[in-house]
Amino acid sequence: MPSDGRIEKRANVKVPVRLAAVEDAFIAEITTTVDVSRYGARVLTGRRWRPGEQLVLASLSGGFRRQAKVIHCYPLTDRQFCVGLVFDTSIKEWKDAP
């Protein structure tokens, strides 16, 4: 098992995505992933999300859409955050990954 506690390594994949709140679809933004795995993703965002919030992560190409829960959100700068997401169910493959 990896020393950081992950079940499997994440692939450094930058995919353009739409990140939206399940409770309010008007709270949404277009951004990119930092890395992805079958179980979750890290995404750059301009908004501070709260742990436990339910979001929808969808690739702009339409090849991927999954509900996810915020695990953590930490600031990178005053106006940019990195949000860690865990998918509601694991996926077989990230269709937009090279």
N, C-alpha and C. Protein backbone atom coordinates (compact mmCIF):
# COMPACT_ATOMS: atom_id res chain seq x y z
N MET A 1 0.84 -1.19 0.00
CA MET A 1 0.00 0.00 0.00
C MET A 1 0.88 1.25 0.00
N PRO A 2 0.56 2.25 -0.80
CA PRO A 2 1.35 3.47 -0.84
C PRO A 2 1.41 4.15 0.52
N SER A 3 2.50 4.85 0.77
CA SER A 3 2.68 5.50 2.07
C SER A 3 1.71 6.64 2.31
N ASP A 4 1.12 7.21 1.26
CA ASP A 4 0.16 8.31 1.47
C ASP A 4 -1.25 7.80 1.74
N GLY A 5 -1.44 6.47 1.82
CA GLY A 5 -2.74 5.90 2.15
C GLY A 5 -3.65 5.66 0.97
N ARG A 6 -3.21 5.95 -0.24
CA ARG A 6 -4.05 5.76 -1.41
C ARG A 6 -4.09 4.28 -1.81
N ILE A 7 -5.23 3.85 -2.31
CA ILE A 7 -5.38 2.49 -2.80
C ILE A 7 -4.58 2.32 -4.09
N GLU A 8 -4.62 3.32 -4.95
CA GLU A 8 -3.84 3.29 -6.18
C GLU A 8 -3.36 4.69 -6.52
N LYS A 9 -2.29 4.75 -7.30
CA LYS A 9 -1.76 6.06 -7.68
C LYS A 9 -2.74 6.78 -8.60
N ARG A 10 -2.69 8.10 -8.52
CA ARG A 10 -3.48 8.92 -9.43
C ARG A 10 -2.61 9.30 -10.61
N ALA A 11 -3.23 9.40 -11.76
CA ALA A 11 -2.54 9.81 -12.98
C ALA A 11 -2.62 11.32 -13.12
N ASN A 12 -1.50 11.96 -13.38
CA ASN A 12 -1.49 13.41 -13.61
C ASN A 12 -2.12 13.68 -14.97
N VAL A 13 -3.39 14.01 -14.95
CA VAL A 13 -4.16 14.22 -16.18
C VAL A 13 -4.92 15.53 -16.04
N LYS A 14 -4.66 16.45 -16.96
CA LYS A 14 -5.38 17.72 -16.98
C LYS A 14 -6.50 17.63 -18.01
N VAL A 15 -7.72 17.54 -17.51
CA VAL A 15 -8.90 17.42 -18.36
C VAL A 15 -9.82 18.59 -18.06
N PRO A 16 -10.30 19.31 -19.08
CA PRO A 16 -11.28 20.37 -18.84
C PRO A 16 -12.59 19.76 -18.34
N VAL A 17 -13.10 20.28 -17.23
CA VAL A 17 -14.31 19.74 -16.63
C VAL A 17 -15.24 20.86 -16.16
N ARG A 18 -16.48 20.47 -15.93
CA ARG A 18 -17.46 21.36 -15.29
C ARG A 18 -17.70 20.79 -13.91
N LEU A 19 -17.55 21.63 -12.91
CA LEU A 19 -17.75 21.25 -11.51
C LEU A 19 -18.98 22.00 -11.01
N ALA A 20 -19.99 21.27 -10.53
CA ALA A 20 -21.24 21.91 -10.12
C ALA A 20 -21.76 21.31 -8.82
N ALA A 21 -22.40 22.14 -8.01
CA ALA A 21 -23.03 21.67 -6.78
C ALA A 21 -24.29 20.90 -7.11
N VAL A 22 -24.51 19.77 -6.46
CA VAL A 22 -25.72 18.98 -6.66
C VAL A 22 -26.94 19.76 -6.19
N GLU A 23 -26.81 20.44 -5.07
CA GLU A 23 -27.93 21.17 -4.47
C GLU A 23 -28.36 22.39 -5.29
N ASP A 24 -27.41 22.99 -6.03
CA ASP A 24 -27.70 24.22 -6.77
C ASP A 24 -26.84 24.24 -8.03
N ALA A 25 -27.41 23.83 -9.15
CA ALA A 25 -26.67 23.74 -10.41
C ALA A 25 -26.15 25.09 -10.90
N PHE A 26 -26.68 26.20 -10.34
CA PHE A 26 -26.18 27.52 -10.72
C PHE A 26 -24.81 27.80 -10.11
N ILE A 27 -24.44 27.02 -9.09
CA ILE A 27 -23.10 27.13 -8.51
C ILE A 27 -22.22 26.15 -9.27
N ALA A 28 -21.54 26.65 -10.28
CA ALA A 28 -20.76 25.79 -11.17
C ALA A 28 -19.62 26.59 -11.76
N GLU A 29 -18.61 25.87 -12.24
CA GLU A 29 -17.50 26.52 -12.94
C GLU A 29 -16.85 25.54 -13.90
N ILE A 30 -16.19 26.10 -14.89
CA ILE A 30 -15.39 25.33 -15.83
C ILE A 30 -13.95 25.42 -15.33
N THR A 31 -13.29 24.28 -15.19
CA THR A 31 -11.94 24.22 -14.65
C THR A 31 -11.22 23.00 -15.20
N THR A 32 -10.13 22.57 -14.55
CA THR A 32 -9.39 21.39 -15.00
C THR A 32 -9.05 20.49 -13.82
N THR A 33 -8.86 19.22 -14.13
CA THR A 33 -8.39 18.29 -13.12
C THR A 33 -6.88 18.47 -12.94
N VAL A 34 -6.39 18.06 -11.78
CA VAL A 34 -4.95 18.00 -11.51
C VAL A 34 -4.49 16.56 -11.72
N ASP A 35 -5.25 15.64 -11.14
CA ASP A 35 -4.99 14.22 -11.31
C ASP A 35 -6.28 13.45 -11.09
N VAL A 36 -6.29 12.19 -11.56
CA VAL A 36 -7.49 11.36 -11.48
C VAL A 36 -7.10 9.92 -11.17
N SER A 37 -8.06 9.18 -10.62
CA SER A 37 -7.93 7.74 -10.43
C SER A 37 -9.31 7.14 -10.62
N ARG A 38 -9.42 5.84 -10.41
CA ARG A 38 -10.73 5.19 -10.52
C ARG A 38 -11.66 5.60 -9.38
N TYR A 39 -11.08 6.14 -8.31
CA TYR A 39 -11.86 6.42 -7.10
C TYR A 39 -12.13 7.90 -6.87
N GLY A 40 -11.39 8.79 -7.55
CA GLY A 40 -11.59 10.21 -7.31
C GLY A 40 -10.70 11.08 -8.16
N ALA A 41 -10.67 12.35 -7.82
CA ALA A 41 -9.88 13.32 -8.60
C ALA A 41 -9.54 14.51 -7.72
N ARG A 42 -8.50 15.22 -8.14
CA ARG A 42 -8.21 16.54 -7.57
C ARG A 42 -8.46 17.54 -8.68
N VAL A 43 -9.11 18.65 -8.32
CA VAL A 43 -9.54 19.63 -9.30
C VAL A 43 -9.16 21.03 -8.82
N LEU A 44 -8.69 21.86 -9.73
CA LEU A 44 -8.46 23.27 -9.42
C LEU A 44 -9.79 23.99 -9.44
N THR A 45 -9.98 24.94 -8.54
CA THR A 45 -11.25 25.66 -8.47
C THR A 45 -11.03 27.07 -7.93
N GLY A 46 -11.92 27.96 -8.30
CA GLY A 46 -11.88 29.32 -7.80
C GLY A 46 -12.79 29.52 -6.60
N ARG A 47 -13.35 28.45 -6.09
CA ARG A 47 -14.32 28.52 -5.00
C ARG A 47 -13.90 27.58 -3.87
N ARG A 48 -14.13 28.01 -2.65
CA ARG A 48 -13.87 27.14 -1.49
C ARG A 48 -15.10 26.24 -1.30
N TRP A 49 -14.92 24.93 -1.48
CA TRP A 49 -15.98 23.96 -1.26
C TRP A 49 -15.83 23.38 0.14
N ARG A 50 -16.94 23.01 0.75
CA ARG A 50 -16.91 22.44 2.10
C ARG A 50 -16.81 20.92 2.04
N PRO A 51 -15.99 20.31 2.91
CA PRO A 51 -15.97 18.84 2.98
C PRO A 51 -17.38 18.29 3.20
N GLY A 52 -17.69 17.24 2.46
CA GLY A 52 -19.01 16.63 2.53
C GLY A 52 -19.98 17.12 1.47
N GLU A 53 -19.69 18.27 0.83
CA GLU A 53 -20.58 18.76 -0.23
C GLU A 53 -20.61 17.76 -1.38
N GLN A 54 -21.78 17.61 -1.98
CA GLN A 54 -21.97 16.73 -3.14
C GLN A 54 -21.87 17.56 -4.41
N LEU A 55 -21.01 17.12 -5.32
CA LEU A 55 -20.78 17.82 -6.58
C LEU A 55 -20.97 16.87 -7.74
N VAL A 56 -21.12 17.45 -8.92
CA VAL A 56 -21.11 16.68 -10.16
C VAL A 56 -19.89 17.13 -10.95
N LEU A 57 -19.07 16.17 -11.34
CA LEU A 57 -17.88 16.42 -12.15
C LEU A 57 -18.15 15.85 -13.54
N ALA A 58 -18.08 16.70 -14.56
CA ALA A 58 -18.36 16.25 -15.93
C ALA A 58 -17.31 16.80 -16.87
N SER A 59 -16.79 15.94 -17.74
CA SER A 59 -15.83 16.41 -18.74
C SER A 59 -16.57 17.25 -19.78
N LEU A 60 -15.89 18.24 -20.31
CA LEU A 60 -16.52 19.10 -21.31
C LEU A 60 -16.81 18.36 -22.61
N SER A 61 -16.07 17.29 -22.88
CA SER A 61 -16.30 16.51 -24.10
C SER A 61 -17.54 15.63 -23.98
N GLY A 62 -18.04 15.45 -22.76
CA GLY A 62 -19.24 14.63 -22.56
C GLY A 62 -18.94 13.17 -22.32
N GLY A 63 -17.67 12.78 -22.28
CA GLY A 63 -17.31 11.38 -22.10
C GLY A 63 -17.33 10.91 -20.66
N PHE A 64 -17.49 11.82 -19.71
CA PHE A 64 -17.44 11.44 -18.31
C PHE A 64 -18.37 12.33 -17.49
N ARG A 65 -19.11 11.72 -16.59
CA ARG A 65 -19.96 12.46 -15.65
C ARG A 65 -20.14 11.58 -14.42
N ARG A 66 -19.84 12.16 -13.26
CA ARG A 66 -19.93 11.37 -12.04
C ARG A 66 -20.22 12.28 -10.85
N GLN A 67 -21.07 11.80 -9.94
CA GLN A 67 -21.29 12.51 -8.69
C GLN A 67 -20.13 12.20 -7.76
N ALA A 68 -19.72 13.20 -6.98
CA ALA A 68 -18.57 13.05 -6.09
C ALA A 68 -18.79 13.84 -4.81
N LYS A 69 -18.06 13.45 -3.78
CA LYS A 69 -18.12 14.14 -2.49
C LYS A 69 -16.79 14.83 -2.23
N VAL A 70 -16.86 16.05 -1.71
CA VAL A 70 -15.65 16.80 -1.37
C VAL A 70 -15.03 16.18 -0.12
N ILE A 71 -13.75 15.82 -0.24
CA ILE A 71 -13.00 15.27 0.89
C ILE A 71 -12.21 16.38 1.56
N HIS A 72 -11.58 17.21 0.76
CA HIS A 72 -10.83 18.34 1.30
C HIS A 72 -10.79 19.46 0.28
N CYS A 73 -10.53 20.66 0.74
CA CYS A 73 -10.36 21.82 -0.12
C CYS A 73 -9.36 22.73 0.55
N TYR A 74 -8.24 22.96 -0.11
CA TYR A 74 -7.22 23.82 0.50
C TYR A 74 -6.78 24.90 -0.48
N PRO A 75 -6.40 26.06 0.07
CA PRO A 75 -6.02 27.18 -0.81
C PRO A 75 -4.65 26.97 -1.42
N LEU A 76 -4.54 27.34 -2.70
CA LEU A 76 -3.24 27.39 -3.38
C LEU A 76 -2.75 28.83 -3.43
N THR A 77 -3.69 29.75 -3.67
CA THR A 77 -3.45 31.19 -3.65
C THR A 77 -4.68 31.83 -3.02
N ASP A 78 -4.74 33.15 -3.02
CA ASP A 78 -5.92 33.84 -2.48
C ASP A 78 -7.18 33.53 -3.27
N ARG A 79 -7.03 33.18 -4.56
CA ARG A 79 -8.21 33.01 -5.42
C ARG A 79 -8.27 31.64 -6.09
N GLN A 80 -7.42 30.72 -5.66
CA GLN A 80 -7.45 29.39 -6.27
C GLN A 80 -7.31 28.32 -5.19
N PHE A 81 -8.12 27.26 -5.34
CA PHE A 81 -8.16 26.18 -4.38
C PHE A 81 -7.96 24.85 -5.11
N CYS A 82 -7.57 23.85 -4.35
CA CYS A 82 -7.47 22.48 -4.86
C CYS A 82 -8.47 21.65 -4.06
N VAL A 83 -9.40 21.03 -4.74
CA VAL A 83 -10.43 20.24 -4.08
C VAL A 83 -10.21 18.76 -4.38
N GLY A 84 -10.23 17.95 -3.33
CA GLY A 84 -10.12 16.51 -3.47
C GLY A 84 -11.51 15.90 -3.47
N LEU A 85 -11.79 15.08 -4.45
CA LEU A 85 -13.12 14.47 -4.61
C LEU A 85 -13.02 12.96 -4.58
N VAL A 86 -14.02 12.31 -4.01
CA VAL A 86 -14.15 10.86 -4.10
C VAL A 86 -15.46 10.60 -4.83
N PHE A 87 -15.40 9.72 -5.85
CA PHE A 87 -16.58 9.42 -6.65
C PHE A 87 -17.57 8.57 -5.86
N ASP A 88 -18.86 8.67 -6.22
CA ASP A 88 -19.89 7.89 -5.54
C ASP A 88 -19.69 6.39 -5.78
N THR A 89 -19.17 6.02 -6.93
CA THR A 89 -18.78 4.64 -7.22
C THR A 89 -17.49 4.69 -8.03
N SER A 90 -16.67 3.66 -7.91
CA SER A 90 -15.43 3.65 -8.68
C SER A 90 -15.75 3.51 -10.17
N ILE A 91 -14.82 3.94 -10.99
CA ILE A 91 -15.01 3.88 -12.44
C ILE A 91 -14.01 2.91 -13.04
N LYS A 92 -14.32 2.36 -14.19
CA LYS A 92 -13.40 1.43 -14.84
C LYS A 92 -12.25 2.17 -15.49
N GLU A 93 -12.56 3.29 -16.12
CA GLU A 93 -11.51 4.09 -16.75
C GLU A 93 -11.97 5.51 -16.92
N TRP A 94 -11.04 6.41 -16.97
CA TRP A 94 -11.33 7.82 -17.21
C TRP A 94 -11.31 8.00 -18.72
N LYS A 95 -12.46 8.18 -19.33
CA LYS A 95 -12.57 8.17 -20.80
C LYS A 95 -11.82 9.30 -21.48
N ASP A 96 -11.58 10.41 -20.77
CA ASP A 96 -10.87 11.53 -21.39
C ASP A 96 -9.38 11.47 -21.17
N ALA A 97 -8.90 10.50 -20.42
CA ALA A 97 -7.47 10.40 -20.16
C ALA A 97 -6.76 9.91 -21.41
N PRO A 98 -5.54 10.38 -21.66
CA PRO A 98 -4.81 9.93 -22.84
C PRO A 98 -4.46 8.45 -22.74
